[in-house]
């Protein structure tokens, strides 16, 4: 892997649509995906349910001067209820294959924590497939704890897979 220089995370903009859609397609894996592999014609990344303002991206510059989106995180309120307006949920997270191991995932999580706090949240949650050990290790290293397991929630690739609910405090909002 070429050395990368990560840029600070930034809010996504509509012009990121094609690059983010390609990132999603190129990182699709049974390790994390519950939907079938995308096939043409491809849907846009952004839409009514997934607007740009819910997404943070981190860009990286390679040693040869190329710059691209190294990853993204989608951060949303888990429900429209006022009773849990203090919570944000990660509902999308991907790091480009070429940027793995360079800190992009950790940078995205930390940016999500900061953005959630800015929005007034004091708690953040996510769901991850039980067999996704690399993601679970990253989340645990950033303070997430397993808060529940839905055993055999998904049938993927010929076997039942647990859905693991993780969360962490962000401190007072």
N, C-alpha and C. Protein backbone atom coordinates (compact mmCIF):
# COMPACT_ATOMS: atom_id res chain seq x y z
N UNK A 1 0.85 -1.19 0.00
CA UNK A 1 0.00 0.00 0.00
C UNK A 1 0.89 1.25 0.00
N UNK A 2 0.57 2.19 -0.85
CA UNK A 2 1.29 3.46 -0.92
C UNK A 2 0.99 4.28 0.33
N UNK A 3 1.94 5.10 0.73
CA UNK A 3 1.72 5.97 1.87
C UNK A 3 0.60 6.95 1.54
N UNK A 4 -0.25 7.19 2.53
CA UNK A 4 -1.37 8.10 2.34
C UNK A 4 -1.28 9.26 3.31
N UNK A 5 -1.76 10.40 2.87
CA UNK A 5 -1.93 11.55 3.74
C UNK A 5 -3.43 11.79 3.84
N UNK A 6 -3.96 11.57 5.05
CA UNK A 6 -5.39 11.77 5.25
C UNK A 6 -5.67 13.25 5.46
N UNK A 7 -6.74 13.70 4.86
CA UNK A 7 -7.22 15.06 5.09
C UNK A 7 -8.28 15.01 6.18
N UNK A 8 -8.54 16.11 6.85
CA UNK A 8 -9.60 16.10 7.87
C UNK A 8 -10.95 15.75 7.24
N UNK A 9 -11.77 15.07 8.01
CA UNK A 9 -13.10 14.71 7.52
C UNK A 9 -13.88 15.98 7.20
N UNK A 10 -14.76 15.85 6.21
CA UNK A 10 -15.59 16.98 5.81
C UNK A 10 -16.99 16.47 5.51
N UNK A 11 -17.98 17.38 5.53
CA UNK A 11 -19.33 16.97 5.12
C UNK A 11 -19.34 16.61 3.64
N UNK A 12 -20.12 15.62 3.28
CA UNK A 12 -20.27 15.26 1.88
C UNK A 12 -21.06 16.35 1.16
N UNK A 13 -20.86 16.42 -0.14
CA UNK A 13 -21.59 17.35 -1.00
C UNK A 13 -22.17 16.54 -2.17
N UNK A 14 -23.22 17.08 -2.81
CA UNK A 14 -23.84 16.32 -3.91
C UNK A 14 -22.84 15.86 -4.98
N UNK A 15 -21.80 16.63 -5.22
CA UNK A 15 -20.82 16.26 -6.25
C UNK A 15 -20.03 14.99 -5.88
N UNK A 16 -20.12 14.53 -4.63
CA UNK A 16 -19.44 13.30 -4.20
C UNK A 16 -20.21 12.04 -4.60
N UNK A 17 -21.42 12.20 -5.14
CA UNK A 17 -22.31 11.06 -5.37
C UNK A 17 -21.65 9.93 -6.15
N UNK A 18 -21.09 10.21 -7.30
CA UNK A 18 -20.53 9.15 -8.14
C UNK A 18 -19.39 8.43 -7.44
N UNK A 19 -18.50 9.18 -6.81
CA UNK A 19 -17.35 8.57 -6.14
C UNK A 19 -17.79 7.72 -4.95
N UNK A 20 -18.78 8.19 -4.19
CA UNK A 20 -19.28 7.42 -3.06
C UNK A 20 -20.03 6.17 -3.53
N UNK A 21 -20.79 6.28 -4.60
CA UNK A 21 -21.48 5.11 -5.14
C UNK A 21 -20.48 4.06 -5.60
N UNK A 22 -19.42 4.50 -6.25
CA UNK A 22 -18.37 3.56 -6.68
C UNK A 22 -17.66 2.95 -5.47
N UNK A 23 -17.42 3.73 -4.44
CA UNK A 23 -16.81 3.22 -3.22
C UNK A 23 -17.68 2.11 -2.62
N UNK A 24 -18.97 2.35 -2.53
CA UNK A 24 -19.88 1.33 -2.01
C UNK A 24 -19.82 0.05 -2.85
N UNK A 25 -19.83 0.20 -4.16
CA UNK A 25 -19.79 -0.98 -5.03
C UNK A 25 -18.47 -1.73 -4.88
N UNK A 26 -17.37 -0.99 -4.82
CA UNK A 26 -16.06 -1.63 -4.78
C UNK A 26 -15.74 -2.28 -3.43
N UNK A 27 -16.43 -1.87 -2.39
CA UNK A 27 -16.17 -2.44 -1.07
C UNK A 27 -17.24 -3.45 -0.66
N UNK A 28 -18.23 -3.71 -1.53
CA UNK A 28 -19.28 -4.65 -1.18
C UNK A 28 -18.67 -6.00 -0.81
N UNK A 29 -19.15 -6.58 0.28
CA UNK A 29 -18.62 -7.86 0.74
C UNK A 29 -19.66 -8.54 1.62
N UNK A 30 -19.66 -9.86 1.62
CA UNK A 30 -20.54 -10.60 2.52
C UNK A 30 -20.10 -10.44 3.97
N UNK A 31 -18.95 -9.85 4.19
CA UNK A 31 -18.50 -9.59 5.56
C UNK A 31 -19.39 -8.56 6.24
N UNK A 32 -19.95 -7.63 5.46
CA UNK A 32 -20.74 -6.56 6.07
C UNK A 32 -22.08 -6.29 5.40
N UNK A 33 -22.28 -6.76 4.19
CA UNK A 33 -23.48 -6.41 3.44
C UNK A 33 -24.62 -7.38 3.70
N UNK A 34 -25.82 -6.84 3.90
CA UNK A 34 -27.01 -7.67 4.03
C UNK A 34 -27.86 -7.60 2.77
N UNK A 35 -27.56 -6.67 1.90
CA UNK A 35 -28.25 -6.56 0.61
C UNK A 35 -27.42 -7.27 -0.46
N UNK A 36 -28.06 -7.73 -1.52
CA UNK A 36 -27.30 -8.38 -2.61
C UNK A 36 -26.29 -7.43 -3.24
N UNK A 37 -25.29 -8.02 -3.89
CA UNK A 37 -24.28 -7.24 -4.61
C UNK A 37 -24.99 -6.31 -5.60
N UNK A 38 -24.60 -5.04 -5.65
CA UNK A 38 -25.23 -4.11 -6.59
C UNK A 38 -24.99 -4.54 -8.04
N UNK A 39 -26.01 -4.34 -8.85
CA UNK A 39 -25.90 -4.63 -10.28
C UNK A 39 -26.47 -3.45 -11.06
N UNK A 40 -25.99 -3.25 -12.28
CA UNK A 40 -26.51 -2.15 -13.10
C UNK A 40 -27.99 -2.35 -13.38
N UNK A 41 -28.76 -1.31 -13.58
CA UNK A 41 -28.34 0.09 -13.45
C UNK A 41 -28.21 0.45 -11.97
N UNK A 42 -27.12 1.12 -11.65
CA UNK A 42 -26.83 1.45 -10.26
C UNK A 42 -27.67 2.62 -9.77
N UNK A 43 -28.06 2.54 -8.52
CA UNK A 43 -28.78 3.64 -7.86
C UNK A 43 -27.78 4.72 -7.49
N UNK A 44 -28.22 5.98 -7.43
CA UNK A 44 -27.32 7.03 -6.91
C UNK A 44 -27.05 6.79 -5.43
N UNK A 45 -25.94 7.30 -4.96
CA UNK A 45 -25.60 7.16 -3.54
C UNK A 45 -26.55 7.99 -2.68
N UNK A 46 -26.76 9.24 -3.10
CA UNK A 46 -27.65 10.13 -2.36
C UNK A 46 -29.07 10.00 -2.88
N UNK A 47 -30.02 10.22 -1.99
CA UNK A 47 -31.42 10.18 -2.36
C UNK A 47 -32.24 10.79 -1.23
N UNK A 48 -33.53 10.69 -1.36
CA UNK A 48 -34.43 11.29 -0.36
C UNK A 48 -34.16 10.75 1.04
N UNK A 49 -33.91 9.45 1.14
CA UNK A 49 -33.66 8.84 2.46
C UNK A 49 -32.20 8.97 2.90
N UNK A 50 -31.32 9.32 1.98
CA UNK A 50 -29.89 9.40 2.28
C UNK A 50 -29.29 10.69 1.70
N UNK A 51 -29.59 11.84 2.31
CA UNK A 51 -29.08 13.11 1.78
C UNK A 51 -27.60 13.33 2.13
N UNK A 52 -26.93 14.19 1.38
CA UNK A 52 -25.51 14.47 1.65
C UNK A 52 -25.23 14.94 3.07
N UNK A 53 -26.16 15.67 3.68
CA UNK A 53 -25.88 16.23 5.01
C UNK A 53 -25.75 15.16 6.10
N UNK A 54 -26.11 13.91 5.81
CA UNK A 54 -25.96 12.82 6.78
C UNK A 54 -24.60 12.14 6.69
N UNK A 55 -23.77 12.55 5.74
CA UNK A 55 -22.54 11.82 5.43
C UNK A 55 -21.31 12.69 5.66
N UNK A 56 -20.31 12.08 6.29
CA UNK A 56 -18.98 12.68 6.40
C UNK A 56 -18.03 11.84 5.56
N UNK A 57 -17.10 12.50 4.89
CA UNK A 57 -16.11 11.78 4.09
C UNK A 57 -14.71 12.17 4.55
N UNK A 58 -13.80 11.26 4.34
CA UNK A 58 -12.39 11.58 4.54
C UNK A 58 -11.69 11.29 3.21
N UNK A 59 -10.91 12.26 2.80
CA UNK A 59 -10.14 12.11 1.57
C UNK A 59 -8.69 11.81 1.94
N UNK A 60 -7.99 11.19 0.99
CA UNK A 60 -6.58 10.89 1.20
C UNK A 60 -5.82 11.21 -0.08
N UNK A 61 -4.60 11.61 0.13
CA UNK A 61 -3.70 11.86 -0.99
C UNK A 61 -2.61 10.79 -0.93
N UNK A 62 -2.36 10.14 -2.05
CA UNK A 62 -1.33 9.12 -2.10
C UNK A 62 0.02 9.76 -2.36
N UNK A 63 1.07 8.98 -2.18
CA UNK A 63 2.43 9.49 -2.37
C UNK A 63 2.62 10.01 -3.80
N UNK A 64 1.88 9.46 -4.77
CA UNK A 64 2.03 9.92 -6.15
C UNK A 64 1.11 11.09 -6.48
N UNK A 65 0.47 11.67 -5.46
CA UNK A 65 -0.29 12.90 -5.66
C UNK A 65 -1.76 12.73 -6.00
N UNK A 66 -2.24 11.49 -6.13
CA UNK A 66 -3.67 11.30 -6.41
C UNK A 66 -4.48 11.52 -5.14
N UNK A 67 -5.64 12.13 -5.28
CA UNK A 67 -6.53 12.36 -4.15
C UNK A 67 -7.88 11.74 -4.44
N UNK A 68 -8.46 11.12 -3.42
CA UNK A 68 -9.78 10.55 -3.59
C UNK A 68 -10.44 10.34 -2.24
N UNK A 69 -11.71 10.01 -2.28
CA UNK A 69 -12.43 9.73 -1.04
C UNK A 69 -11.98 8.37 -0.53
N UNK A 70 -11.41 8.37 0.66
CA UNK A 70 -10.89 7.16 1.27
C UNK A 70 -11.97 6.42 2.06
N UNK A 71 -13.04 7.12 2.42
CA UNK A 71 -14.11 6.47 3.17
C UNK A 71 -15.19 7.44 3.55
N UNK A 72 -16.27 6.88 4.07
CA UNK A 72 -17.39 7.70 4.52
C UNK A 72 -18.07 7.06 5.72
N UNK A 73 -18.80 7.88 6.45
CA UNK A 73 -19.66 7.42 7.53
C UNK A 73 -20.99 8.18 7.40
N UNK A 74 -22.09 7.43 7.53
CA UNK A 74 -23.42 8.05 7.51
C UNK A 74 -23.92 8.06 8.94
N UNK A 75 -24.29 9.24 9.43
CA UNK A 75 -24.69 9.46 10.82
C UNK A 75 -26.10 10.04 10.85
N UNK A 76 -27.02 9.34 11.50
CA UNK A 76 -28.42 9.77 11.50
C UNK A 76 -29.05 9.59 12.87
N UNK A 77 -30.15 10.31 13.14
CA UNK A 77 -30.94 9.99 14.32
C UNK A 77 -31.54 8.59 14.12
N UNK A 78 -31.56 7.75 15.16
CA UNK A 78 -32.09 6.40 14.98
C UNK A 78 -33.59 6.37 14.73
N UNK A 79 -34.32 7.34 15.24
CA UNK A 79 -35.76 7.44 15.02
C UNK A 79 -36.12 8.93 14.99
N UNK A 80 -37.34 9.26 14.56
CA UNK A 80 -37.77 10.67 14.61
C UNK A 80 -38.32 11.07 15.98
N UNK A 81 -38.23 10.20 16.97
CA UNK A 81 -38.81 10.46 18.29
C UNK A 81 -37.97 11.43 19.11
N UNK A 82 -38.63 12.36 19.78
CA UNK A 82 -37.93 13.30 20.66
C UNK A 82 -37.27 12.56 21.82
N UNK A 83 -37.84 11.44 22.23
CA UNK A 83 -37.33 10.70 23.38
C UNK A 83 -35.92 10.14 23.17
N UNK A 84 -35.48 9.98 21.92
CA UNK A 84 -34.09 9.55 21.73
C UNK A 84 -33.34 10.48 20.78
N UNK A 85 -33.69 11.76 20.83
CA UNK A 85 -33.00 12.76 20.02
C UNK A 85 -31.55 12.95 20.46
N UNK A 86 -31.21 12.44 21.63
CA UNK A 86 -29.84 12.54 22.15
C UNK A 86 -28.92 11.46 21.58
N UNK A 87 -29.43 10.62 20.68
CA UNK A 87 -28.67 9.50 20.12
C UNK A 87 -28.46 9.71 18.63
N UNK A 88 -27.29 9.35 18.15
CA UNK A 88 -27.02 9.28 16.72
C UNK A 88 -26.60 7.84 16.43
N UNK A 89 -26.92 7.40 15.20
CA UNK A 89 -26.60 6.04 14.81
C UNK A 89 -25.79 6.05 13.52
N UNK A 90 -24.77 5.22 13.48
CA UNK A 90 -24.00 5.03 12.25
C UNK A 90 -24.77 4.04 11.40
N UNK A 91 -25.19 4.49 10.22
CA UNK A 91 -25.96 3.63 9.31
C UNK A 91 -25.30 3.56 7.95
N UNK A 92 -24.05 3.49 7.94
CA UNK A 92 -23.28 3.35 6.72
C UNK A 92 -21.85 3.70 7.03
N UNK A 93 -20.93 2.84 6.61
CA UNK A 93 -19.52 3.05 6.92
C UNK A 93 -18.73 2.23 5.91
N UNK A 94 -17.81 2.87 5.22
CA UNK A 94 -16.97 2.14 4.26
C UNK A 94 -15.63 2.84 4.14
N UNK A 95 -14.59 2.03 3.98
CA UNK A 95 -13.25 2.53 3.71
C UNK A 95 -12.77 1.85 2.43
N UNK A 96 -12.26 2.65 1.52
CA UNK A 96 -11.76 2.13 0.24
C UNK A 96 -10.68 1.09 0.48
N UNK A 97 -10.66 0.08 -0.35
CA UNK A 97 -9.65 -0.97 -0.21
C UNK A 97 -8.24 -0.39 -0.22
N UNK A 98 -7.99 0.60 -1.05
CA UNK A 98 -6.65 1.18 -1.17
C UNK A 98 -6.27 2.02 0.06
N UNK A 99 -7.24 2.34 0.91
CA UNK A 99 -6.96 3.19 2.08
C UNK A 99 -6.99 2.42 3.39
N UNK A 100 -7.24 1.13 3.35
CA UNK A 100 -7.32 0.35 4.58
C UNK A 100 -5.98 0.28 5.27
N UNK A 101 -6.02 0.37 6.59
CA UNK A 101 -4.81 0.30 7.39
C UNK A 101 -4.09 1.63 7.54
N UNK A 102 -4.64 2.69 6.98
CA UNK A 102 -3.99 4.01 7.03
C UNK A 102 -4.65 4.95 8.04
N UNK A 103 -5.65 4.47 8.77
CA UNK A 103 -6.29 5.31 9.78
C UNK A 103 -7.56 6.00 9.32
N UNK A 104 -8.02 5.73 8.10
CA UNK A 104 -9.21 6.40 7.59
C UNK A 104 -10.45 6.03 8.40
N UNK A 105 -10.60 4.75 8.73
CA UNK A 105 -11.76 4.32 9.51
C UNK A 105 -11.81 4.97 10.87
N UNK A 106 -10.67 5.00 11.54
CA UNK A 106 -10.58 5.63 12.87
C UNK A 106 -10.88 7.13 12.76
N UNK A 107 -10.36 7.77 11.73
CA UNK A 107 -10.62 9.21 11.52
C UNK A 107 -12.10 9.46 11.30
N UNK A 108 -12.75 8.59 10.54
CA UNK A 108 -14.18 8.74 10.30
C UNK A 108 -14.99 8.57 11.58
N UNK A 109 -14.65 7.57 12.38
CA UNK A 109 -15.37 7.39 13.65
C UNK A 109 -15.21 8.61 14.55
N UNK A 110 -14.00 9.10 14.66
CA UNK A 110 -13.77 10.27 15.53
C UNK A 110 -14.49 11.51 14.99
N UNK A 111 -14.55 11.64 13.68
CA UNK A 111 -15.31 12.75 13.09
C UNK A 111 -16.81 12.57 13.38
N UNK A 112 -17.29 11.34 13.34
CA UNK A 112 -18.70 11.08 13.66
C UNK A 112 -18.99 11.42 15.11
N UNK A 113 -18.06 11.12 16.01
CA UNK A 113 -18.26 11.47 17.42
C UNK A 113 -18.38 12.98 17.57
N UNK A 114 -17.48 13.70 16.92
CA UNK A 114 -17.49 15.17 17.02
C UNK A 114 -18.77 15.74 16.42
N UNK A 115 -19.19 15.22 15.27
CA UNK A 115 -20.41 15.71 14.63
C UNK A 115 -21.64 15.38 15.47
N UNK A 116 -21.69 14.20 16.03
CA UNK A 116 -22.82 13.83 16.88
C UNK A 116 -22.90 14.77 18.09
N UNK A 117 -21.76 15.05 18.70
CA UNK A 117 -21.75 16.00 19.82
C UNK A 117 -22.22 17.37 19.36
N UNK A 118 -21.74 17.82 18.19
CA UNK A 118 -22.14 19.13 17.66
C UNK A 118 -23.65 19.19 17.48
N UNK A 119 -24.25 18.08 17.11
CA UNK A 119 -25.70 18.00 16.92
C UNK A 119 -26.46 17.85 18.25
N UNK A 120 -25.74 17.78 19.36
CA UNK A 120 -26.39 17.68 20.66
C UNK A 120 -26.54 16.27 21.19
N UNK A 121 -25.96 15.30 20.54
CA UNK A 121 -26.06 13.91 21.00
C UNK A 121 -25.05 13.64 22.12
N UNK A 122 -25.42 12.68 22.97
CA UNK A 122 -24.47 12.24 24.00
C UNK A 122 -24.27 10.72 23.94
N UNK A 123 -24.77 10.12 22.89
CA UNK A 123 -24.65 8.67 22.71
C UNK A 123 -24.64 8.35 21.22
N UNK A 124 -23.89 7.29 20.85
CA UNK A 124 -23.83 6.86 19.45
C UNK A 124 -23.92 5.33 19.41
N UNK A 125 -24.65 4.84 18.42
CA UNK A 125 -24.85 3.40 18.30
C UNK A 125 -24.60 2.96 16.86
N UNK A 126 -24.51 1.65 16.68
CA UNK A 126 -24.36 1.05 15.35
C UNK A 126 -24.74 -0.41 15.43
N UNK A 127 -24.88 -1.01 14.27
CA UNK A 127 -25.11 -2.45 14.15
C UNK A 127 -24.05 -3.01 13.22
N UNK A 128 -23.54 -4.18 13.56
CA UNK A 128 -22.48 -4.80 12.78
C UNK A 128 -22.73 -6.31 12.75
N UNK A 129 -22.42 -6.94 11.64
CA UNK A 129 -22.59 -8.38 11.55
C UNK A 129 -21.60 -9.08 12.48
N UNK A 130 -22.08 -10.13 13.13
CA UNK A 130 -21.27 -10.83 14.12
C UNK A 130 -19.95 -11.37 13.60
N UNK A 131 -19.89 -11.75 12.32
CA UNK A 131 -18.65 -12.32 11.78
C UNK A 131 -17.69 -11.25 11.24
N UNK A 132 -18.03 -9.98 11.37
CA UNK A 132 -17.17 -8.90 10.85
C UNK A 132 -16.15 -8.51 11.93
N UNK A 133 -15.19 -9.39 12.15
CA UNK A 133 -14.20 -9.17 13.22
C UNK A 133 -13.38 -7.90 13.04
N UNK A 134 -12.94 -7.54 11.81
CA UNK A 134 -12.15 -6.31 11.69
C UNK A 134 -12.94 -5.06 12.12
N UNK A 135 -14.21 -4.96 11.71
CA UNK A 135 -15.02 -3.80 12.09
C UNK A 135 -15.28 -3.81 13.59
N UNK A 136 -15.62 -4.97 14.14
CA UNK A 136 -15.89 -5.05 15.58
C UNK A 136 -14.67 -4.65 16.39
N UNK A 137 -13.49 -5.05 15.95
CA UNK A 137 -12.26 -4.68 16.66
C UNK A 137 -12.03 -3.17 16.60
N UNK A 138 -12.25 -2.56 15.43
CA UNK A 138 -12.10 -1.11 15.31
C UNK A 138 -13.09 -0.41 16.23
N UNK A 139 -14.35 -0.81 16.20
CA UNK A 139 -15.36 -0.16 17.04
C UNK A 139 -15.01 -0.31 18.52
N UNK A 140 -14.60 -1.49 18.93
CA UNK A 140 -14.24 -1.70 20.34
C UNK A 140 -13.05 -0.83 20.74
N UNK A 141 -12.08 -0.67 19.82
CA UNK A 141 -10.90 0.15 20.14
C UNK A 141 -11.26 1.62 20.27
N UNK A 142 -12.42 2.02 19.73
CA UNK A 142 -12.88 3.40 19.83
C UNK A 142 -13.97 3.56 20.89
N UNK A 143 -14.08 2.59 21.78
CA UNK A 143 -14.96 2.73 22.94
C UNK A 143 -16.34 2.14 22.83
N UNK A 144 -16.68 1.52 21.70
CA UNK A 144 -17.98 0.88 21.57
C UNK A 144 -17.99 -0.42 22.35
N UNK A 145 -19.13 -0.73 22.95
CA UNK A 145 -19.31 -2.00 23.65
C UNK A 145 -20.52 -2.71 23.04
N UNK A 146 -20.49 -4.03 23.09
CA UNK A 146 -21.64 -4.80 22.64
C UNK A 146 -22.76 -4.58 23.65
N UNK A 147 -23.91 -4.16 23.14
CA UNK A 147 -25.07 -3.89 24.00
C UNK A 147 -26.21 -4.86 23.75
N UNK A 148 -26.07 -5.67 22.73
CA UNK A 148 -27.08 -6.68 22.44
C UNK A 148 -26.71 -7.46 21.20
N UNK A 149 -27.25 -8.65 21.13
CA UNK A 149 -27.02 -9.50 19.97
C UNK A 149 -28.36 -10.08 19.54
N UNK A 150 -28.63 -9.98 18.25
CA UNK A 150 -29.82 -10.61 17.66
C UNK A 150 -29.31 -11.86 16.95
N UNK A 151 -29.40 -13.01 17.64
CA UNK A 151 -28.83 -14.25 17.08
C UNK A 151 -29.50 -14.65 15.78
N UNK A 152 -28.68 -15.03 14.80
CA UNK A 152 -29.18 -15.53 13.54
C UNK A 152 -30.13 -14.59 12.82
N UNK A 153 -29.95 -13.29 12.98
CA UNK A 153 -30.87 -12.29 12.42
C UNK A 153 -30.87 -12.29 10.89
N UNK A 154 -29.75 -12.65 10.29
CA UNK A 154 -29.64 -12.64 8.83
C UNK A 154 -29.19 -14.01 8.33
N UNK A 155 -29.68 -14.39 7.16
CA UNK A 155 -29.23 -15.60 6.49
C UNK A 155 -28.43 -15.14 5.28
N UNK A 156 -27.13 -15.27 5.36
CA UNK A 156 -26.22 -14.74 4.35
C UNK A 156 -25.25 -15.83 3.90
N UNK A 157 -25.11 -15.95 2.62
CA UNK A 157 -24.11 -16.86 2.08
C UNK A 157 -24.26 -18.28 2.64
N UNK A 158 -25.51 -18.71 2.83
CA UNK A 158 -25.77 -20.07 3.28
C UNK A 158 -25.70 -20.32 4.77
N UNK A 159 -25.58 -19.25 5.56
CA UNK A 159 -25.55 -19.47 7.02
C UNK A 159 -26.20 -18.32 7.76
N UNK A 160 -26.60 -18.60 8.99
CA UNK A 160 -27.21 -17.58 9.84
C UNK A 160 -26.11 -16.75 10.49
N UNK A 161 -26.34 -15.44 10.52
CA UNK A 161 -25.34 -14.51 11.04
C UNK A 161 -26.00 -13.61 12.08
N UNK A 162 -25.31 -13.40 13.20
CA UNK A 162 -25.81 -12.52 14.26
C UNK A 162 -25.72 -11.06 13.85
N UNK A 163 -26.65 -10.26 14.35
CA UNK A 163 -26.62 -8.81 14.21
C UNK A 163 -26.23 -8.28 15.59
N UNK A 164 -25.10 -7.61 15.67
CA UNK A 164 -24.56 -7.15 16.94
C UNK A 164 -24.82 -5.65 17.09
N UNK A 165 -25.46 -5.27 18.18
CA UNK A 165 -25.75 -3.87 18.48
C UNK A 165 -24.64 -3.35 19.41
N UNK A 166 -24.02 -2.26 19.01
CA UNK A 166 -22.93 -1.67 19.81
C UNK A 166 -23.24 -0.21 20.06
N UNK A 167 -22.73 0.32 21.14
CA UNK A 167 -22.94 1.72 21.45
C UNK A 167 -21.86 2.23 22.38
N UNK A 168 -21.85 3.55 22.52
CA UNK A 168 -20.92 4.19 23.46
C UNK A 168 -21.44 5.56 23.81
N UNK A 169 -21.02 6.02 24.95
CA UNK A 169 -21.36 7.37 25.40
C UNK A 169 -20.43 8.36 24.71
N UNK A 170 -20.95 9.55 24.50
CA UNK A 170 -20.15 10.64 23.97
C UNK A 170 -19.89 11.68 25.04
N UNK A 171 -20.37 11.42 26.26
CA UNK A 171 -20.27 12.40 27.33
C UNK A 171 -21.39 13.42 27.20
N UNK A 172 -21.45 14.35 28.11
CA UNK A 172 -22.53 15.35 28.07
C UNK A 172 -22.52 16.13 26.78
N UNK A 173 -23.73 16.35 26.26
CA UNK A 173 -23.85 17.14 25.02
C UNK A 173 -23.80 18.62 25.30
